[in-house]
Amino acid sequence: MSDFQPNNPLHGVTLEMILTHLVDRYGWQELGRRINIKCFTNDPSIKSSLKFLRQTPWAREKVEALYLQSLEH
């Protein structure tokens, strides 16, 4: 069985890569405005945000959706 997923734009992209891309593109303040979660608005860091996102599926889905949207523009 192959792990190749040609139609999955998230294949091979780690959550850390996604978050770093979004922070570089939008900054923490704008990221917190677009996705209003405490780990983005209150003393944000990559490490604390990753911990929260790995434990919170709904928040991770929002981050992944914003990432995909950012690739389209």
C-alpha atoms as a PDB file:
ATOM      1  CA  MET A   1       0.000   0.000   0.000  1.00  0.00           C
ATOM      2  CA  SER A   2       1.366   3.407  -0.962  1.00  0.00           C
ATOM      3  CA  ASP A   3       1.347   6.553   1.164  1.00  0.00           C
ATOM      4  CA  PHE A   4       1.391   8.755  -1.953  1.00  0.00           C
ATOM      5  CA  GLN A   5      -1.597  11.112  -1.924  1.00  0.00           C
ATOM      6  CA  PRO A   6      -1.518  13.325  -5.039  1.00  0.00           C
ATOM      7  CA  ASN A   7      -4.886  14.977  -4.316  1.00  0.00           C
ATOM      8  CA  ASN A   8      -4.147  15.840  -0.687  1.00  0.00           C
ATOM      9  CA  PRO A   9      -2.428  19.260  -0.439  1.00  0.00           C
ATOM     10  CA  LEU A  10      -1.647  18.616   3.245  1.00  0.00           C
ATOM     11  CA  HIS A  11       0.232  15.368   2.565  1.00  0.00           C
ATOM     12  CA  GLY A  12       3.795  15.672   3.808  1.00  0.00           C
ATOM     13  CA  VAL A  13       3.170  19.036   5.473  1.00  0.00           C
ATOM     14  CA  THR A  14       3.584  19.053   9.243  1.00  0.00           C
ATOM     15  CA  LEU A  15       1.483  21.110  11.607  1.00  0.00           C
ATOM     16  CA  GLU A  16       4.618  23.030  12.551  1.00  0.00           C
ATOM     17  CA  MET A  17       5.254  23.874   8.883  1.00  0.00           C
ATOM     18  CA  ILE A  18       1.660  25.055   8.508  1.00  0.00           C
ATOM     19  CA  LEU A  19       1.802  27.213  11.629  1.00  0.00           C
ATOM     20  CA  THR A  20       5.180  28.707  10.708  1.00  0.00           C
ATOM     21  CA  HIS A  21       3.865  29.580   7.240  1.00  0.00           C
ATOM     22  CA  LEU A  22       0.788  31.283   8.697  1.00  0.00           C
ATOM     23  CA  VAL A  23       2.775  33.259  11.275  1.00  0.00           C
ATOM     24  CA  ASP A  24       5.235  34.381   8.585  1.00  0.00           C
ATOM     25  CA  ARG A  25       2.414  35.389   6.268  1.00  0.00           C
ATOM     26  CA  TYR A  26      -0.020  37.016   8.714  1.00  0.00           C
ATOM     27  CA  GLY A  27       1.798  37.551  12.020  1.00  0.00           C
ATOM     28  CA  TRP A  28       0.372  36.540  15.395  1.00  0.00           C
ATOM     29  CA  GLN A  29      -1.995  39.492  15.686  1.00  0.00           C
ATOM     30  CA  GLU A  30      -3.692  38.894  12.334  1.00  0.00           C
ATOM     31  CA  LEU A  31      -3.687  35.130  12.876  1.00  0.00           C
ATOM     32  CA  GLY A  32      -5.467  35.675  16.203  1.00  0.00           C
ATOM     33  CA  ARG A  33      -7.976  37.935  14.486  1.00  0.00           C
ATOM     34  CA  ARG A  34      -8.703  35.357  11.767  1.00  0.00           C
ATOM     35  CA  ILE A  35      -8.818  32.394  14.169  1.00  0.00           C
ATOM     36  CA  ASN A  36      -9.773  33.674  17.606  1.00  0.00           C
ATOM     37  CA  ILE A  37      -8.133  31.161  19.917  1.00  0.00           C
ATOM     38  CA  LYS A  38      -6.212  32.033  23.044  1.00  0.00           C
ATOM     39  CA  CYS A  39      -2.936  30.422  21.949  1.00  0.00           C
ATOM     40  CA  PHE A  40      -2.784  32.992  19.105  1.00  0.00           C
ATOM     41  CA  THR A  41      -3.922  36.046  21.080  1.00  0.00           C
ATOM     42  CA  ASN A  42      -2.398  35.644  24.544  1.00  0.00           C
ATOM     43  CA  ASP A  43       1.426  35.397  24.645  1.00  0.00           C
ATOM     44  CA  PRO A  44       1.622  33.281  21.463  1.00  0.00           C
ATOM     45  CA  SER A  45       4.460  30.932  20.569  1.00  0.00           C
ATOM     46  CA  ILE A  46       4.914  28.122  18.087  1.00  0.00           C
ATOM     47  CA  LYS A  47       5.479  25.593  20.885  1.00  0.00           C
ATOM     48  CA  SER A  48       2.365  26.451  22.919  1.00  0.00           C
ATOM     49  CA  SER A  49       0.223  26.717  19.804  1.00  0.00           C
ATOM     50  CA  LEU A  50       1.373  23.326  18.518  1.00  0.00           C
ATOM     51  CA  LYS A  51       0.548  21.725  21.859  1.00  0.00           C
ATOM     52  CA  PHE A  52      -2.974  23.187  21.807  1.00  0.00           C
ATOM     53  CA  LEU A  53      -3.632  22.400  18.138  1.00  0.00           C
ATOM     54  CA  ARG A  54      -2.503  18.785  18.511  1.00  0.00           C
ATOM     55  CA  GLN A  55      -5.043  18.312  21.302  1.00  0.00           C
ATOM     56  CA  THR A  56      -7.920  20.267  19.734  1.00  0.00           C
ATOM     57  CA  PRO A  57      -9.223  18.896  16.425  1.00  0.00           C
ATOM     58  CA  TRP A  58     -11.646  21.764  15.688  1.00  0.00           C
ATOM     59  CA  ALA A  59      -8.875  24.352  16.050  1.00  0.00           C
ATOM     60  CA  ARG A  60      -6.483  22.310  13.918  1.00  0.00           C
ATOM     61  CA  GLU A  61      -9.142  22.099  11.196  1.00  0.00           C
ATOM     62  CA  LYS A  62      -9.474  25.889  11.184  1.00  0.00           C
ATOM     63  CA  VAL A  63      -5.694  26.326  10.947  1.00  0.00           C
ATOM     64  CA  GLU A  64      -5.454  23.799   8.103  1.00  0.00           C
ATOM     65  CA  ALA A  65      -8.314  25.530   6.258  1.00  0.00           C
ATOM     66  CA  LEU A  66      -6.632  28.928   6.568  1.00  0.00           C
ATOM     67  CA  TYR A  67      -3.373  27.398   5.360  1.00  0.00           C
ATOM     68  CA  LEU A  68      -5.063  25.955   2.275  1.00  0.00           C
ATOM     69  CA  GLN A  69      -6.780  29.276   1.646  1.00  0.00           C
ATOM     70  CA  SER A  70      -3.436  31.110   1.929  1.00  0.00           C
ATOM     71  CA  LEU A  71      -1.954  28.853  -0.765  1.00  0.00           C
ATOM     72  CA  GLU A  72      -4.680  29.865  -3.218  1.00  0.00           C
ATOM     73  CA  HIS A  73      -3.801  33.568  -3.030  1.00  0.00           C
END
